[in-house]
Amino acid sequence: MISSLTCSHISIALVDLLQELTDVDTLNESEEGADALIEALLDAQVFGMLVTNLDRLDESVKEEADGVHNTLDWHIFNNMGHRNVSDITLQMYSHRKGLFWNLGKENAKMPFDANKLYCSEMLAIILQNSEETREQLGELDGIDTLLQQLATFKRHNPANSEELEMMENLFDCLCSALMLPANRDRFLKGEGLQLMNLMLRSKKMSRNSALKVLDHALTGPEGVDNCTKFIDILGLRTIFPLFMKTPKPNKKIGRMKEEHEEHVVSIIASLLKNVKSNQRQRLLNKFTEADHAKVDRLMELHFKYLDKVGAVDAQIEREKVALRRQGEDVDEPMEEEFYLRRLNTGLFTLQLLDYIMLEICSTGPASIKPRVMQILNLRGGSIKAIRNIIREYAANVGDAKSTETKEAEQQRLLSLVDRF
């Protein structure tokens, strides 16, 4: 009978062999041969078997810890360039055993090491690309595991750049997992909202990523329960100070002010769409506090992003003119590309800002709309431009689970335009 020690040695030797076989120089000798090798390894489920062998390795033994490191190491995949990387990762981590091992490795009580970083990278990639894995993550109590791991950063910053990268990967895992409605419920029951709320108040390096997770948790019809709970835990006291003043960017993380503003505005828009009765009234009343200071801030951001979108629109129009002079047509795929560029440059945030503006003018206290109109008149703003922005927003509403849901959202937006 082969001993477990011998099996461990065999699996370590197999990883070493794979690294040699996928050496850059070796692969470049024959692209056709390299592709055939990778396909053969995939067909033989070699990458999946590598993960099942991780349980055999004892990381307290240096040689075996190195074996774990090499199994997870992106060196093998980097050698392959872009050849089947997603297929390899899916094979390694889409089955329950591989995912369970990864989640166990992300136990909060285990000290940080390079292998935890690799596990977080793997999890982030597979969860982004596989709905089946998101389901398995939830079934394996993975949401709780991720929240427990991230709770470490509620009061403490990562010790170094590698631990910072791991923290960011774990937040990305949560964002991907929350795309599944069932995981929104698990996030709610696991007190994920409370943790994100505390992180937003703590002003640690985790704050920006917590804001992104909160945005994912509240958005869409699936976010109704989380929106309700967020107001119950006094989340408005957390989110509106971030709305009123954008924090300075953290140099180590490198995020821009615009990303922060997009998430904050998206959260407020989700709350307006999803909460009802007394909670909705509490939300609307926020815009009348301190002599309508939040309305003033809303309009300030509206003009900021209107200018940004105006600049990119002018650039796109110049490009269209140049293309037509060259005898090229601006076809539908090109128009879609231009629209995505506008969204990424600030149009999406502008659409949300103007949605909030129309919503609070239509359903909020009577003093809000006169304040909005006063600021528009003072700054030469255009009601017609705002209406057109929301009409374009309604025309491009996406991600609805059904045609009926999409059409209902479009009609709701257009009715706000009619009442403005």
Protein backbone atom coordinates (compact mmCIF):
# COMPACT_ATOMS: atom_id res chain seq x y z
CA MET A 1 0.00 0.00 0.00
CA ILE A 2 1.34 3.40 -0.96
CA SER A 3 1.86 5.59 2.09
CA SER A 4 0.38 9.07 2.34
CA LEU A 5 3.93 10.42 2.42
CA THR A 6 4.68 8.76 -0.90
CA CYS A 7 1.42 10.08 -2.37
CA SER A 8 2.40 13.56 -1.23
CA HIS A 9 5.77 13.21 -2.93
CA ILE A 10 4.09 12.03 -6.13
CA SER A 11 1.69 14.98 -6.22
CA ILE A 12 4.54 17.44 -5.57
CA ALA A 13 6.59 15.83 -8.33
CA LEU A 14 3.61 16.08 -10.68
CA VAL A 15 3.36 19.83 -10.11
CA ASP A 16 7.09 20.21 -10.73
CA LEU A 17 6.71 18.23 -13.96
CA LEU A 18 3.81 20.43 -15.09
CA GLN A 19 5.92 23.53 -14.52
CA GLU A 20 8.69 22.07 -16.67
CA LEU A 21 6.28 20.98 -19.42
CA THR A 22 4.68 24.43 -19.52
CA ASP A 23 7.92 26.38 -19.48
CA VAL A 24 7.66 29.41 -21.77
CA ASP A 25 10.52 28.27 -24.00
CA THR A 26 9.01 24.79 -24.31
CA LEU A 27 5.56 26.08 -25.24
CA ASN A 28 6.95 28.56 -27.75
CA GLU A 29 8.69 25.78 -29.66
CA SER A 30 5.35 24.64 -31.02
CA GLU A 31 2.07 26.46 -30.46
CA GLU A 32 0.14 23.55 -31.94
CA GLY A 33 1.91 21.09 -29.66
CA ALA A 34 1.36 23.34 -26.64
CA ASP A 35 -2.37 23.55 -27.31
CA ALA A 36 -2.54 19.78 -27.72
CA LEU A 37 -0.74 19.31 -24.38
CA ILE A 38 -3.12 21.60 -22.50
CA GLU A 39 -6.18 19.98 -24.10
CA ALA A 40 -4.89 16.54 -23.11
CA LEU A 41 -4.31 17.67 -19.52
CA LEU A 42 -7.82 19.13 -19.39
CA ASP A 43 -9.39 15.99 -20.86
CA ALA A 44 -7.57 13.88 -18.26
CA GLN A 45 -8.88 16.12 -15.44
CA VAL A 46 -5.29 16.63 -14.27
CA PHE A 47 -5.91 20.12 -12.90
CA GLY A 48 -8.94 18.95 -10.94
CA MET A 49 -6.93 16.08 -9.47
CA LEU A 50 -4.26 18.52 -8.34
CA VAL A 51 -6.80 20.15 -6.05
CA THR A 52 -7.96 16.84 -4.59
CA ASN A 53 -4.34 16.17 -3.66
CA LEU A 54 -4.09 19.37 -1.61
CA ASP A 55 -5.71 17.56 1.33
CA ARG A 56 -2.75 15.18 1.44
CA LEU A 57 -0.23 17.97 2.00
CA ASP A 58 0.79 19.12 5.46
CA GLU A 59 1.73 22.80 5.31
CA SER A 60 3.68 22.52 8.56
CA VAL A 61 6.25 20.55 6.53
CA LYS A 62 8.24 22.94 4.35
CA GLU A 63 8.47 20.64 1.34
CA GLU A 64 4.73 20.04 1.37
CA ALA A 65 3.95 23.72 1.99
CA ASP A 66 6.02 24.47 -1.11
CA GLY A 67 3.96 21.84 -2.92
CA VAL A 68 0.75 23.67 -2.01
CA HIS A 69 2.34 26.93 -3.09
CA ASN A 70 3.38 25.49 -6.46
CA THR A 71 -0.03 23.91 -7.02
CA LEU A 72 -1.71 27.27 -6.54
CA ASP A 73 1.08 29.29 -8.14
CA TRP A 74 0.04 31.22 -11.23
CA HIS A 75 3.48 30.40 -12.67
CA ILE A 76 2.00 27.35 -14.40
CA PHE A 77 -0.85 29.40 -15.84
CA ASN A 78 1.32 32.38 -16.71
CA ASN A 79 3.57 30.07 -18.70
CA MET A 80 0.55 29.12 -20.77
CA GLY A 81 -0.13 32.72 -21.70
CA HIS A 82 -3.81 32.99 -22.58
CA ARG A 83 -4.21 29.32 -23.46
CA ASN A 84 -7.27 27.88 -21.67
CA VAL A 85 -6.55 29.68 -18.39
CA SER A 86 -10.26 30.02 -17.58
CA ASP A 87 -10.89 26.35 -18.41
CA ILE A 88 -8.03 25.27 -16.15
CA THR A 89 -9.22 27.43 -13.26
CA LEU A 90 -12.79 26.17 -13.66
CA GLN A 91 -11.61 22.57 -13.59
CA MET A 92 -9.55 23.16 -10.47
CA TYR A 93 -12.15 25.00 -8.42
CA SER A 94 -15.64 24.49 -9.80
CA HIS A 95 -16.16 21.18 -8.03
CA ARG A 96 -17.10 21.14 -4.35
CA LYS A 97 -13.89 19.55 -3.06
CA GLY A 98 -11.65 22.23 -4.53
CA LEU A 99 -13.94 25.02 -3.38
CA PHE A 100 -14.25 23.51 0.10
CA TRP A 101 -10.45 23.32 0.41
CA ASN A 102 -10.12 26.94 -0.66
CA LEU A 103 -12.72 28.08 1.85
CA GLY A 104 -10.97 26.14 4.59
CA LYS A 105 -7.73 27.86 3.67
CA GLU A 106 -9.48 31.22 4.04
CA ASN A 107 -10.26 30.50 7.70
CA ALA A 108 -9.86 33.73 9.65
CA LYS A 109 -7.85 32.04 12.41
CA MET A 110 -5.06 30.98 10.07
CA PRO A 111 -2.16 33.46 9.79
CA PHE A 112 -1.63 35.21 6.47
CA ASP A 113 0.74 33.52 4.05
CA ALA A 114 1.34 33.39 0.29
CA ASN A 115 -0.99 30.41 -0.10
CA LYS A 116 -3.90 32.37 1.37
CA LEU A 117 -3.23 35.07 -1.21
CA TYR A 118 -3.28 32.51 -4.03
CA CYS A 119 -6.51 31.01 -2.72
CA SER A 120 -8.17 34.42 -2.64
CA GLU A 121 -7.08 35.04 -6.25
CA MET A 122 -8.47 31.70 -7.39
CA LEU A 123 -11.76 32.22 -5.58
CA ALA A 124 -12.21 35.71 -6.99
CA ILE A 125 -11.69 34.52 -10.57
CA ILE A 126 -13.88 31.43 -10.39
CA LEU A 127 -16.74 33.22 -8.60
CA GLN A 128 -16.72 35.96 -11.21
CA ASN A 129 -17.04 33.45 -14.04
CA SER A 130 -19.19 30.61 -12.67
CA GLU A 131 -22.75 30.86 -11.36
CA GLU A 132 -22.56 27.21 -10.29
CA THR A 133 -19.65 28.06 -8.00
CA ARG A 134 -21.59 30.98 -6.50
CA GLU A 135 -24.33 28.51 -5.61
CA GLN A 136 -21.83 26.07 -4.11
CA LEU A 137 -20.18 28.85 -2.13
CA GLY A 138 -23.50 29.68 -0.49
CA GLU A 139 -24.30 26.03 0.23
CA LEU A 140 -20.90 25.58 1.91
CA ASP A 141 -21.51 28.58 4.23
CA GLY A 142 -18.91 30.44 2.20
CA ILE A 143 -20.57 33.83 2.74
CA ASP A 144 -20.03 33.48 6.50
CA THR A 145 -16.43 32.37 5.91
CA LEU A 146 -15.70 35.43 3.76
CA LEU A 147 -17.34 37.76 6.30
CA GLN A 148 -15.35 36.23 9.16
CA GLN A 149 -12.12 36.64 7.21
CA LEU A 150 -12.90 40.26 6.32
CA ALA A 151 -13.92 41.13 9.88
CA THR A 152 -10.19 41.19 10.68
CA PHE A 153 -9.92 44.41 8.68
CA LYS A 154 -12.73 46.18 10.53
CA ARG A 155 -10.27 47.77 12.95
CA HIS A 156 -6.88 46.88 11.44
CA ASN A 157 -5.30 47.71 8.10
CA PRO A 158 -3.49 44.99 6.12
CA ALA A 159 0.11 44.60 7.28
CA ASN A 160 1.63 44.74 3.78
CA SER A 161 0.80 44.98 0.08
CA GLU A 162 0.27 41.21 -0.25
CA GLU A 163 -2.27 41.13 2.57
CA LEU A 164 -3.94 44.21 1.06
CA GLU A 165 -4.26 42.32 -2.23
CA MET A 166 -5.80 39.35 -0.42
CA MET A 167 -8.30 41.65 1.31
CA GLU A 168 -9.31 43.17 -2.03
CA ASN A 169 -9.69 39.69 -3.54
CA LEU A 170 -12.01 38.62 -0.71
CA PHE A 171 -14.17 41.71 -1.20
CA ASP A 172 -14.32 40.86 -4.92
CA CYS A 173 -15.42 37.34 -3.95
CA LEU A 174 -18.30 38.80 -1.95
CA CYS A 175 -19.34 41.09 -4.81
CA SER A 176 -19.45 38.16 -7.24
CA ALA A 177 -21.27 35.93 -4.75
CA LEU A 178 -23.95 38.59 -4.22
CA MET A 179 -24.95 38.33 -7.87
CA LEU A 180 -26.90 35.25 -6.73
CA PRO A 181 -30.16 36.25 -4.93
CA ALA A 182 -29.89 33.38 -2.42
CA ASN A 183 -26.51 34.70 -1.33
CA ARG A 184 -28.06 38.12 -0.66
CA ASP A 185 -30.23 36.40 1.96
CA ARG A 186 -27.21 34.64 3.46
CA PHE A 187 -25.33 37.94 3.54
CA LEU A 188 -28.27 39.54 5.37
CA LYS A 189 -28.58 36.71 7.91
CA GLY A 190 -24.81 36.64 8.43
CA GLU A 191 -24.93 40.33 9.44
CA GLY A 192 -22.91 41.36 6.42
CA LEU A 193 -24.65 44.74 6.36
CA GLN A 194 -23.60 45.46 9.93
CA LEU A 195 -19.99 44.59 9.12
CA MET A 196 -19.92 46.79 6.00
CA ASN A 197 -21.54 49.63 7.94
CA LEU A 198 -18.88 49.41 10.67
CA MET A 199 -16.13 49.38 8.04
CA LEU A 200 -17.55 52.51 6.43
CA ARG A 201 -17.41 54.25 9.81
CA SER A 202 -13.95 52.98 10.74
CA LYS A 203 -12.09 54.92 8.01
CA LYS A 204 -9.66 52.03 7.52
CA MET A 205 -8.38 50.78 4.16
CA SER A 206 -11.34 48.41 3.96
CA ARG A 207 -13.82 51.29 3.63
CA ASN A 208 -13.77 51.68 -0.16
CA SER A 209 -14.26 47.97 -0.79
CA ALA A 210 -16.99 47.76 1.85
CA LEU A 211 -18.79 50.51 -0.07
CA LYS A 212 -18.57 48.43 -3.26
CA VAL A 213 -19.96 45.34 -1.51
CA LEU A 214 -22.80 47.38 -0.03
CA ASP A 215 -23.65 48.67 -3.50
CA HIS A 216 -23.87 45.08 -4.80
CA ALA A 217 -25.99 43.97 -1.83
CA LEU A 218 -28.62 46.72 -2.22
CA THR A 219 -29.01 46.99 -5.99
CA GLY A 220 -32.02 45.72 -7.92
CA PRO A 221 -35.28 44.11 -6.77
CA GLU A 222 -33.24 41.38 -5.03
CA GLY A 223 -31.86 44.06 -2.70
CA VAL A 224 -35.18 45.02 -1.07
CA ASP A 225 -34.61 43.17 2.21
CA ASN A 226 -31.04 44.43 2.51
CA CYS A 227 -32.17 48.01 1.82
CA THR A 228 -34.79 47.75 4.55
CA LYS A 229 -32.29 46.35 7.03
CA PHE A 230 -29.68 48.96 6.12
CA ILE A 231 -32.01 51.75 7.21
CA ASP A 232 -32.97 49.78 10.34
CA ILE A 233 -29.31 49.67 11.43
CA LEU A 234 -29.04 53.45 10.95
CA GLY A 235 -27.12 53.15 7.71
CA LEU A 236 -28.36 56.56 6.56
CA ARG A 237 -26.14 58.11 9.23
CA THR A 238 -23.20 56.41 7.54
CA ILE A 239 -23.91 56.84 3.84
CA PHE A 240 -24.96 60.50 3.74
CA PRO A 241 -21.73 61.90 5.27
CA LEU A 242 -19.91 59.99 2.49
CA PHE A 243 -22.31 61.57 -0.01
CA MET A 244 -21.73 65.07 1.34
CA LYS A 245 -17.94 64.85 1.26
CA THR A 246 -15.87 62.50 -0.87
CA PRO A 247 -12.86 61.24 1.15
CA LYS A 248 -9.39 61.79 -0.23
CA PRO A 249 -8.16 58.83 -2.31
CA ASN A 250 -5.97 56.32 -0.48
CA LYS A 251 -2.59 56.26 -2.25
CA LYS A 252 -2.00 52.59 -1.41
CA ILE A 253 -5.33 51.52 -2.89
CA GLY A 254 -5.35 54.03 -5.72
CA ARG A 255 -9.10 54.41 -6.19
CA MET A 256 -10.46 57.59 -7.74
CA LYS A 257 -13.02 59.95 -6.25
CA GLU A 258 -15.37 59.14 -9.12
CA GLU A 259 -15.51 55.47 -8.15
CA HIS A 260 -16.41 56.39 -4.57
CA GLU A 261 -19.10 58.82 -5.76
CA GLU A 262 -20.57 56.27 -8.15
CA HIS A 263 -21.01 53.68 -5.38
CA VAL A 264 -22.49 56.17 -2.90
CA VAL A 265 -24.94 57.57 -5.46
CA SER A 266 -25.88 54.04 -6.57
CA ILE A 267 -26.61 53.05 -2.96
CA ILE A 268 -28.90 56.05 -2.41
CA ALA A 269 -30.67 55.34 -5.72
CA SER A 270 -31.20 51.69 -4.69
CA LEU A 271 -32.64 52.78 -1.35
CA LEU A 272 -35.09 55.12 -3.11
CA LYS A 273 -36.19 52.30 -5.42
CA ASN A 274 -36.52 49.61 -2.76
CA VAL A 275 -37.76 51.00 0.56
CA LYS A 276 -41.37 51.82 1.43
CA SER A 277 -43.57 53.66 3.96
CA ASN A 278 -41.87 55.10 7.06
CA GLN A 279 -38.37 54.14 5.97
CA ARG A 280 -38.85 55.86 2.64
CA GLN A 281 -40.06 58.98 4.41
CA ARG A 282 -36.97 58.96 6.63
CA LEU A 283 -34.83 58.76 3.50
CA LEU A 284 -36.66 61.59 1.72
CA ASN A 285 -36.55 63.82 4.80
CA LYS A 286 -32.75 63.62 4.75
CA PHE A 287 -32.79 65.94 1.74
CA THR A 288 -34.46 68.73 3.74
CA GLU A 289 -32.01 68.70 6.66
CA ALA A 290 -29.65 71.64 7.23
CA ASP A 291 -31.54 73.90 4.82
CA HIS A 292 -31.54 71.32 2.00
CA ALA A 293 -27.75 70.84 2.11
CA LYS A 294 -28.04 67.40 0.49
CA VAL A 295 -30.06 68.85 -2.39
CA ASP A 296 -27.30 71.40 -2.90
CA ARG A 297 -24.72 68.61 -2.95
CA LEU A 298 -26.84 66.59 -5.38
CA MET A 299 -26.98 69.52 -7.78
CA GLU A 300 -23.24 70.14 -7.39
CA LEU A 301 -22.55 66.55 -8.45
CA HIS A 302 -25.09 66.83 -11.28
CA PHE A 303 -23.21 69.72 -12.86
CA LYS A 304 -19.84 68.06 -12.27
CA TYR A 305 -20.85 64.91 -14.14
CA LEU A 306 -22.81 66.83 -16.77
CA ASP A 307 -19.56 68.60 -17.67
CA LYS A 308 -17.64 65.30 -17.77
CA VAL A 309 -20.21 63.68 -20.05
CA GLY A 310 -20.37 66.80 -22.22
CA ALA A 311 -16.62 66.63 -22.77
CA VAL A 312 -16.65 62.97 -23.81
CA ASP A 313 -19.72 63.54 -26.02
CA ALA A 314 -17.85 66.30 -27.86
CA GLN A 315 -14.85 64.01 -28.34
CA ILE A 316 -17.04 61.18 -29.64
CA GLU A 317 -18.77 63.53 -32.06
CA ARG A 318 -15.39 64.62 -33.45
CA GLU A 319 -14.45 60.97 -33.93
CA LYS A 320 -17.72 60.29 -35.76
CA VAL A 321 -17.12 63.23 -38.10
CA ALA A 322 -13.61 61.95 -38.83
CA LEU A 323 -14.95 58.45 -39.57
CA ARG A 324 -17.59 59.77 -41.96
CA ARG A 325 -14.99 61.84 -43.80
CA GLN A 326 -13.07 58.62 -44.35
CA GLY A 327 -16.19 57.06 -45.82
CA GLU A 328 -16.87 54.78 -42.83
CA ASP A 329 -20.32 54.22 -41.37
CA VAL A 330 -20.96 54.48 -37.63
CA ASP A 331 -22.71 51.12 -37.22
CA GLU A 332 -24.61 49.71 -34.23
CA PRO A 333 -21.63 47.93 -32.60
CA MET A 334 -19.67 51.17 -32.78
CA GLU A 335 -22.57 53.12 -31.23
CA GLU A 336 -22.68 50.58 -28.39
CA GLU A 337 -18.95 51.02 -27.87
CA PHE A 338 -19.38 54.80 -27.72
CA TYR A 339 -22.25 54.40 -25.22
CA LEU A 340 -20.13 52.19 -22.95
CA ARG A 341 -17.38 54.77 -23.11
CA ARG A 342 -19.83 57.47 -22.04
CA LEU A 343 -21.06 55.28 -19.16
CA ASN A 344 -17.51 54.67 -17.95
CA THR A 345 -16.66 58.37 -18.16
CA GLY A 346 -19.50 59.44 -15.88
CA LEU A 347 -22.83 58.99 -17.68
CA PHE A 348 -23.91 56.15 -15.37
CA THR A 349 -23.34 58.30 -12.28
CA LEU A 350 -25.11 61.24 -13.96
CA GLN A 351 -28.11 59.03 -14.76
CA LEU A 352 -28.35 57.94 -11.12
CA LEU A 353 -27.97 61.51 -9.86
CA ASP A 354 -30.75 62.73 -12.14
CA TYR A 355 -32.95 59.78 -11.19
CA ILE A 356 -32.53 60.75 -7.52
CA MET A 357 -33.32 64.36 -8.43
CA LEU A 358 -36.56 63.44 -10.19
CA GLU A 359 -37.57 60.96 -7.48
CA ILE A 360 -37.17 63.37 -4.56
CA CYS A 361 -38.85 66.19 -6.51
CA SER A 362 -41.81 63.95 -7.31
CA THR A 363 -42.30 62.09 -4.02
CA GLY A 364 -40.36 64.07 -1.41
CA PRO A 365 -41.34 67.05 0.75
CA ALA A 366 -42.79 69.98 -1.19
CA SER A 367 -39.80 72.23 -0.47
CA ILE A 368 -37.34 70.10 -2.47
CA LYS A 369 -38.45 70.85 -6.04
CA PRO A 370 -38.34 74.67 -5.65
CA ARG A 371 -34.78 74.34 -4.33
CA VAL A 372 -33.79 72.21 -7.33
CA MET A 373 -35.35 74.70 -9.76
CA GLN A 374 -33.66 77.61 -8.01
CA ILE A 375 -30.22 76.04 -8.43
CA LEU A 376 -30.91 75.10 -12.05
CA ASN A 377 -31.87 78.71 -12.82
CA LEU A 378 -28.85 80.15 -11.00
CA ARG A 379 -26.43 77.89 -12.90
CA GLY A 380 -28.15 77.96 -16.26
CA GLY A 381 -29.20 74.33 -16.04
CA SER A 382 -31.62 72.71 -18.45
CA ILE A 383 -34.75 70.80 -17.47
CA LYS A 384 -34.88 69.43 -21.01
CA ALA A 385 -31.34 68.02 -20.68
CA ILE A 386 -32.25 66.24 -17.43
CA ARG A 387 -35.36 64.74 -19.00
CA ASN A 388 -33.32 63.50 -21.97
CA ILE A 389 -30.76 61.89 -19.66
CA ILE A 390 -33.48 59.91 -17.86
CA ARG A 391 -35.16 58.96 -21.15
CA GLU A 392 -31.83 57.55 -22.36
CA TYR A 393 -31.42 55.78 -19.00
CA ALA A 394 -34.89 54.22 -19.36
CA ALA A 395 -34.17 53.11 -22.93
CA ASN A 396 -31.07 51.24 -21.80
CA VAL A 397 -32.31 49.70 -18.55
CA GLY A 398 -30.86 46.21 -18.44
CA ASP A 399 -30.23 43.15 -16.25
CA ALA A 400 -33.94 42.63 -15.63
CA LYS A 401 -34.92 39.02 -14.97
CA SER A 402 -38.03 39.36 -17.12
CA THR A 403 -39.43 41.57 -19.86
CA GLU A 404 -42.27 42.61 -17.54
CA THR A 405 -39.83 43.80 -14.86
CA LYS A 406 -37.82 45.75 -17.41
CA GLU A 407 -40.88 47.40 -18.92
CA ALA A 408 -42.24 48.31 -15.48
CA GLU A 409 -38.95 50.01 -14.57
CA GLN A 410 -38.93 51.89 -17.87
CA GLN A 411 -42.48 53.12 -17.32
CA ARG A 412 -41.64 54.22 -13.78
CA LEU A 413 -38.69 56.27 -15.02
CA LEU A 414 -40.69 57.84 -17.84
CA SER A 415 -43.50 58.75 -15.43
CA LEU A 416 -40.95 60.63 -13.30
CA VAL A 417 -39.89 62.53 -16.43
CA ASP A 418 -43.50 63.49 -17.14
CA ARG A 419 -43.98 64.81 -13.60
CA PHE A 420 -40.74 66.83 -13.54
